[in-house]
Amino acid sequence: MTMPTPSPNMAQTPLIEPFFDKQSNTISYVVQDPASNSCAVIDAVMEFDYPAGRLTYIGADAIIKFITDNNLKLEWIIESHVHADHLSGAPYIQERLGGKIGIGEQIQEVQKTFGKVFNEGTEFERDGSQFDALFEDGDTYSVGSLECFAIHTPGHTPACMVHIMGDAAFAGDTLFMPDGGSARADFPGGDAGQLYDSIERVLSLPDDVRLFVCHDYGPGGRAIAWETTVGEQKAQNIHISGNTSREDFVKLRETRDAQLAMPKLIIPSLQVNMRAGDVPTDPDGNMVLKVPINQL
């Protein structure tokens, strides 16, 4: 059952520092409580050179440097969902700075689905226990004195959640910038109708809520952007505005999704991210990844 969406505390305006990853067009964020040195990290990236099989931590190191340079205390490392286009840098950051890694409770459904796709054995737990916290719809938490809550926004994936922190909302892949529209809904467990319902729920927030997106691709050659508002989305989003019906959105989304290629890093990303960012290993402890054939 979907809970009523709580009202954000518009009097709290967190300080937000974005970090752009060019490989995956992902924007990660450090969110700071304006009244203390407490902070959270949202959707951290670990770079992966697929042809070479090599991991690097350029983006995560930049986040760590920013936090340490500003004498911040990391309390939360939030994953808005199980990303299919980049590997998570969450455990790398946690090892160095602490904090709890959190994701939506429906991660369990994602783990069950992709545990089968990747033929994971019984040693792979499908209960979300790899994460420190599993958020349910409407759960509240804090970053210092900053009031935060999570709302369940399925459609892109079953475990998607939008996190509201003061007057800022972090949309994950539920919405892009207004000229980018919305995310695809054709992955296993995705559903265009659910995505419409989730977007409508986000758009029920006050118009002045600042909305921060997880990806931007610079449509039409414009500069990369990441911040908009709920009001701007309602007025300008190319996929869903005030007069878009559920039926029309589903038709548009399903037609568009049928033409999209799979993300380049979907196979390594899913294996790593459903483990809270840990790379699977072989019996000798070496990091390894599987490539399932004709399964996606």
Protein backbone atom coordinates (compact mmCIF):
# COMPACT_ATOMS: atom_id res chain seq x y z
CA MET A 1 0.00 0.00 0.00
CA THR A 2 1.38 3.42 -0.95
CA MET A 3 1.67 5.82 1.95
CA PRO A 4 0.61 9.47 1.62
CA THR A 5 3.58 11.58 0.58
CA PRO A 6 4.86 13.56 3.59
CA SER A 7 5.32 17.30 3.25
CA PRO A 8 8.96 18.42 2.93
CA ASN A 9 10.39 20.91 5.40
CA MET A 10 10.75 23.84 3.01
CA ALA A 11 12.52 25.88 5.70
CA GLN A 12 15.55 23.57 5.48
CA THR A 13 17.78 24.20 2.46
CA PRO A 14 20.63 21.69 2.31
CA LEU A 15 23.92 22.58 0.65
CA ILE A 16 24.35 20.39 -2.42
CA GLU A 17 27.58 19.64 -4.30
CA PRO A 18 27.24 17.73 -7.62
CA PHE A 19 29.84 15.40 -9.18
CA PHE A 20 29.44 14.50 -12.86
CA ASP A 21 30.67 11.18 -14.27
CA LYS A 22 31.20 11.52 -18.02
CA GLN A 23 31.36 7.76 -18.73
CA SER A 24 27.80 7.14 -17.53
CA ASN A 25 26.38 10.69 -17.52
CA THR A 26 25.65 10.21 -13.82
CA ILE A 27 25.45 13.02 -11.29
CA SER A 28 26.35 12.07 -7.72
CA TYR A 29 25.71 14.43 -4.83
CA VAL A 30 27.04 15.38 -1.44
CA VAL A 31 24.14 16.78 0.60
CA GLN A 32 25.05 18.78 3.71
CA ASP A 33 22.85 19.69 6.64
CA PRO A 34 22.90 23.52 6.70
CA ALA A 35 23.00 23.53 10.51
CA SER A 36 25.90 21.11 11.06
CA ASN A 37 28.78 19.30 9.37
CA SER A 38 26.69 16.16 8.75
CA CYS A 39 26.25 15.02 5.16
CA ALA A 40 24.99 12.27 2.87
CA VAL A 41 26.22 10.95 -0.47
CA ILE A 42 23.73 10.01 -3.16
CA ASP A 43 24.43 7.63 -6.09
CA ALA A 44 28.22 7.42 -5.95
CA VAL A 45 30.06 6.03 -9.01
CA MET A 46 32.93 3.57 -9.44
CA GLU A 47 34.43 3.69 -12.94
CA PHE A 48 34.86 0.48 -14.94
CA ASP A 49 36.95 0.05 -18.08
CA TYR A 50 35.00 -2.90 -19.51
CA PRO A 51 37.45 -3.96 -22.26
CA ALA A 52 40.36 -3.90 -19.81
CA GLY A 53 38.40 -5.25 -16.83
CA ARG A 54 39.80 -2.45 -14.67
CA LEU A 55 38.16 -0.53 -11.83
CA THR A 56 39.07 3.03 -10.87
CA TYR A 57 37.74 5.40 -8.22
CA ILE A 58 38.21 8.88 -9.68
CA GLY A 59 34.69 10.09 -8.87
CA ALA A 60 34.59 8.47 -5.44
CA ASP A 61 37.98 9.96 -4.57
CA ALA A 62 36.72 13.42 -5.57
CA ILE A 63 33.73 12.98 -3.24
CA ILE A 64 35.98 11.78 -0.41
CA LYS A 65 38.30 14.77 -0.92
CA PHE A 66 35.39 17.20 -0.84
CA ILE A 67 34.04 15.70 2.39
CA THR A 68 37.42 15.64 4.13
CA ASP A 69 38.47 19.09 2.88
CA ASN A 70 35.27 20.54 4.32
CA ASN A 71 35.49 18.60 7.59
CA LEU A 72 32.13 16.93 7.00
CA LYS A 73 30.78 13.84 8.76
CA LEU A 74 29.30 11.25 6.40
CA GLU A 75 26.16 9.66 7.85
CA TRP A 76 24.38 8.13 4.86
CA ILE A 77 25.34 6.71 1.46
CA ILE A 78 22.09 6.49 -0.48
CA GLU A 79 21.38 4.43 -3.59
CA SER A 80 18.25 5.69 -5.36
CA HIS A 81 17.94 2.28 -7.06
CA VAL A 82 20.00 -0.58 -8.51
CA HIS A 83 21.72 1.27 -11.34
CA ALA A 84 22.16 -0.44 -14.70
CA ASP A 85 24.58 2.05 -16.26
CA HIS A 86 27.33 2.44 -13.66
CA LEU A 87 28.91 0.57 -10.79
CA SER A 88 28.39 1.90 -7.28
CA GLY A 89 31.23 3.51 -5.36
CA ALA A 90 29.35 3.18 -2.05
CA PRO A 91 31.51 0.55 -0.29
CA TYR A 92 34.73 2.28 -1.36
CA ILE A 93 33.53 5.52 0.23
CA GLN A 94 32.13 3.75 3.29
CA GLU A 95 35.44 2.00 3.96
CA ARG A 96 37.18 5.38 4.12
CA LEU A 97 34.57 7.64 5.71
CA GLY A 98 31.95 5.44 7.37
CA GLY A 99 28.22 6.02 6.98
CA LYS A 100 25.35 3.61 6.34
CA ILE A 101 24.46 2.36 2.86
CA GLY A 102 20.72 2.46 2.22
CA ILE A 103 18.38 1.43 -0.61
CA GLY A 104 14.69 0.67 -1.08
CA GLU A 105 13.39 -2.58 0.45
CA GLN A 106 12.31 -3.82 -2.98
CA ILE A 107 15.98 -4.55 -3.65
CA GLN A 108 14.95 -8.04 -2.61
CA GLU A 109 12.81 -8.37 -5.75
CA VAL A 110 15.69 -7.14 -7.88
CA GLN A 111 18.03 -9.66 -6.24
CA LYS A 112 15.59 -12.52 -6.88
CA THR A 113 15.20 -11.54 -10.53
CA PHE A 114 18.86 -11.04 -11.34
CA GLY A 115 20.05 -13.80 -9.06
CA LYS A 116 18.41 -16.08 -11.62
CA VAL A 117 19.76 -14.18 -14.63
CA PHE A 118 23.32 -14.45 -13.34
CA ASN A 119 22.84 -17.98 -12.00
CA GLU A 120 23.95 -16.99 -8.51
CA GLY A 121 24.28 -19.79 -6.01
CA THR A 122 22.62 -20.18 -2.64
CA GLU A 123 25.45 -18.21 -1.03
CA PHE A 124 24.06 -15.04 -2.64
CA GLU A 125 21.57 -13.66 -0.14
CA ARG A 126 18.39 -12.27 -1.69
CA ASP A 127 17.11 -10.47 1.40
CA GLY A 128 18.89 -7.12 1.01
CA SER A 129 21.26 -7.93 3.88
CA GLN A 130 24.23 -6.58 1.91
CA PHE A 131 22.89 -3.09 2.69
CA ASP A 132 22.86 -1.39 6.09
CA ALA A 133 19.31 -0.06 5.73
CA LEU A 134 16.29 -0.92 3.59
CA PHE A 135 13.87 1.98 3.21
CA GLU A 136 10.14 1.41 3.13
CA ASP A 137 7.74 3.87 1.56
CA GLY A 138 7.44 6.93 3.79
CA ASP A 139 10.40 6.08 6.03
CA THR A 140 12.00 9.07 7.70
CA TYR A 141 15.62 9.56 8.70
CA SER A 142 17.95 12.46 9.39
CA VAL A 143 21.28 13.88 8.26
CA GLY A 144 22.29 15.91 11.30
CA SER A 145 19.25 18.13 11.85
CA LEU A 146 18.13 17.79 8.23
CA GLU A 147 14.75 16.06 7.97
CA CYS A 148 14.64 13.41 5.23
CA PHE A 149 12.17 10.85 3.94
CA ALA A 150 11.95 8.32 1.13
CA ILE A 151 9.02 7.59 -1.16
CA HIS A 152 8.72 4.44 -3.24
CA THR A 153 8.67 5.29 -6.97
CA PRO A 154 8.68 2.02 -8.94
CA GLY A 155 8.46 1.82 -12.72
CA HIS A 156 12.05 2.14 -13.87
CA THR A 157 12.96 -0.63 -11.38
CA PRO A 158 10.99 -2.14 -8.48
CA ALA A 159 13.38 -0.66 -5.89
CA CYS A 160 13.42 2.98 -7.06
CA MET A 161 12.95 5.61 -4.38
CA VAL A 162 12.97 9.39 -4.42
CA HIS A 163 14.66 10.89 -1.38
CA ILE A 164 13.47 14.25 -0.05
CA MET A 165 15.89 16.17 2.15
CA GLY A 166 14.55 19.50 3.33
CA ASP A 167 13.48 21.44 0.23
CA ALA A 168 15.44 19.16 -2.14
CA ALA A 169 14.30 15.94 -3.81
CA PHE A 170 16.67 13.46 -5.45
CA ALA A 171 14.79 11.83 -8.29
CA GLY A 172 17.09 8.97 -9.23
CA ASP A 173 15.95 7.81 -12.68
CA THR A 174 12.27 8.55 -12.14
CA LEU A 175 12.60 11.91 -13.91
CA PHE A 176 15.30 13.56 -16.01
CA MET A 177 15.58 17.29 -16.70
CA PRO A 178 12.36 18.56 -18.34
CA ASP A 179 13.82 18.36 -21.85
CA GLY A 180 15.03 14.80 -21.12
CA GLY A 181 11.69 13.41 -20.00
CA SER A 182 11.69 10.18 -18.02
CA ALA A 183 13.69 6.98 -17.68
CA ARG A 184 12.99 3.75 -19.52
CA ALA A 185 10.65 1.17 -18.01
CA ASP A 186 11.53 -1.98 -19.96
CA PHE A 187 14.05 -3.62 -17.63
CA PRO A 188 12.90 -6.79 -15.79
CA GLY A 189 10.51 -5.58 -13.10
CA GLY A 190 9.92 -2.23 -14.84
CA ASP A 191 6.46 -0.99 -15.75
CA ALA A 192 5.49 2.16 -17.66
CA GLY A 193 2.16 2.49 -15.87
CA GLN A 194 3.85 2.30 -12.48
CA LEU A 195 6.37 4.89 -13.66
CA TYR A 196 3.53 7.27 -14.57
CA ASP A 197 2.00 6.82 -11.11
CA SER A 198 5.37 7.41 -9.47
CA ILE A 199 6.01 10.58 -11.46
CA GLU A 200 2.57 11.89 -10.56
CA ARG A 201 3.43 11.31 -6.92
CA VAL A 202 6.66 13.28 -7.25
CA LEU A 203 4.81 16.06 -9.04
CA SER A 204 2.41 16.30 -6.09
CA LEU A 205 5.24 17.84 -4.05
CA PRO A 206 5.24 21.64 -3.71
CA ASP A 207 6.25 23.46 -6.89
CA ASP A 208 9.24 25.09 -5.18
CA VAL A 209 10.89 21.79 -4.23
CA ARG A 210 14.29 21.62 -5.88
CA LEU A 211 14.60 18.45 -7.96
CA PHE A 212 18.00 16.87 -8.64
CA VAL A 213 18.36 14.23 -11.36
CA CYS A 214 20.70 11.24 -11.47
CA HIS A 215 21.50 11.48 -15.20
CA ASP A 216 21.66 14.11 -17.89
CA TYR A 217 22.66 13.69 -21.53
CA GLY A 218 22.52 17.30 -22.72
CA PRO A 219 19.68 16.98 -25.26
CA GLY A 220 20.23 19.13 -28.34
CA GLY A 221 23.82 19.78 -27.35
CA ARG A 222 23.02 21.93 -24.31
CA ALA A 223 25.34 22.00 -21.31
CA ILE A 224 24.93 19.23 -18.75
CA ALA A 225 22.40 20.20 -16.07
CA TRP A 226 21.08 18.54 -12.93
CA GLU A 227 18.80 20.90 -11.00
CA THR A 228 15.21 21.81 -11.78
CA THR A 229 12.01 22.21 -9.71
CA VAL A 230 8.77 20.31 -9.36
CA GLY A 231 6.97 23.30 -10.91
CA GLU A 232 9.26 23.30 -13.94
CA GLN A 233 8.72 19.58 -14.42
CA LYS A 234 4.94 19.97 -14.30
CA ALA A 235 5.04 22.74 -16.89
CA GLN A 236 7.79 21.58 -19.23
CA ASN A 237 8.57 17.84 -19.02
CA ILE A 238 8.42 16.48 -22.58
CA HIS A 239 7.03 13.10 -21.50
CA ILE A 240 4.58 14.00 -18.78
CA SER A 241 3.08 17.39 -18.12
CA GLY A 242 -0.16 18.52 -16.54
CA ASN A 243 -2.38 17.17 -19.34
CA THR A 244 -0.63 13.86 -20.13
CA SER A 245 -2.88 10.86 -19.53
CA ARG A 246 -1.63 7.58 -18.14
CA GLU A 247 -2.58 5.84 -21.38
CA ASP A 248 -0.66 8.33 -23.50
CA PHE A 249 2.41 8.13 -21.31
CA VAL A 250 2.46 4.32 -21.36
CA LYS A 251 2.17 4.31 -25.15
CA LEU A 252 4.95 6.89 -25.53
CA ARG A 253 7.24 5.16 -23.04
CA GLU A 254 6.77 1.64 -24.43
CA THR A 255 7.26 2.82 -28.03
CA ARG A 256 10.41 4.68 -27.09
CA ASP A 257 11.81 1.85 -24.94
CA ALA A 258 11.46 -0.64 -27.81
CA GLN A 259 14.00 1.43 -29.75
CA LEU A 260 16.63 1.71 -27.01
CA ALA A 261 19.78 -0.38 -26.78
CA MET A 262 20.82 -1.88 -23.46
CA PRO A 263 23.17 0.29 -21.36
CA LYS A 264 26.82 -0.54 -22.09
CA LEU A 265 27.58 -1.42 -18.47
CA ILE A 266 24.34 -3.18 -17.54
CA ILE A 267 25.90 -6.63 -17.07
CA PRO A 268 28.67 -5.62 -14.65
CA SER A 269 26.53 -2.93 -13.01
CA LEU A 270 23.69 -5.23 -11.98
CA GLN A 271 26.01 -7.89 -10.56
CA VAL A 272 27.86 -5.34 -8.45
CA ASN A 273 25.03 -3.02 -7.46
CA MET A 274 22.68 -5.73 -6.24
CA ARG A 275 25.51 -6.54 -3.80
CA ALA A 276 25.63 -2.96 -2.46
CA GLY A 277 28.64 -2.19 -4.66
CA ASP A 278 30.76 -5.23 -3.83
CA VAL A 279 32.28 -7.07 -6.79
CA PRO A 280 31.65 -10.85 -6.75
CA THR A 281 34.67 -13.11 -6.30
CA ASP A 282 35.72 -16.62 -7.32
CA PRO A 283 36.73 -19.31 -4.79
CA ASP A 284 40.28 -17.90 -4.76
CA GLY A 285 39.05 -14.43 -3.85
CA ASN A 286 39.64 -12.88 -7.26
CA MET A 287 37.06 -10.37 -8.47
CA VAL A 288 35.12 -11.82 -11.40
CA LEU A 289 31.99 -11.05 -13.42
CA LYS A 290 29.66 -13.25 -15.45
CA VAL A 291 28.26 -12.58 -18.92
CA PRO A 292 24.92 -14.36 -19.29
CA ILE A 293 24.00 -15.01 -22.92
CA ASN A 294 20.55 -14.05 -24.26
CA GLN A 295 19.20 -13.39 -20.77
CA LEU A 296 18.51 -9.65 -20.95
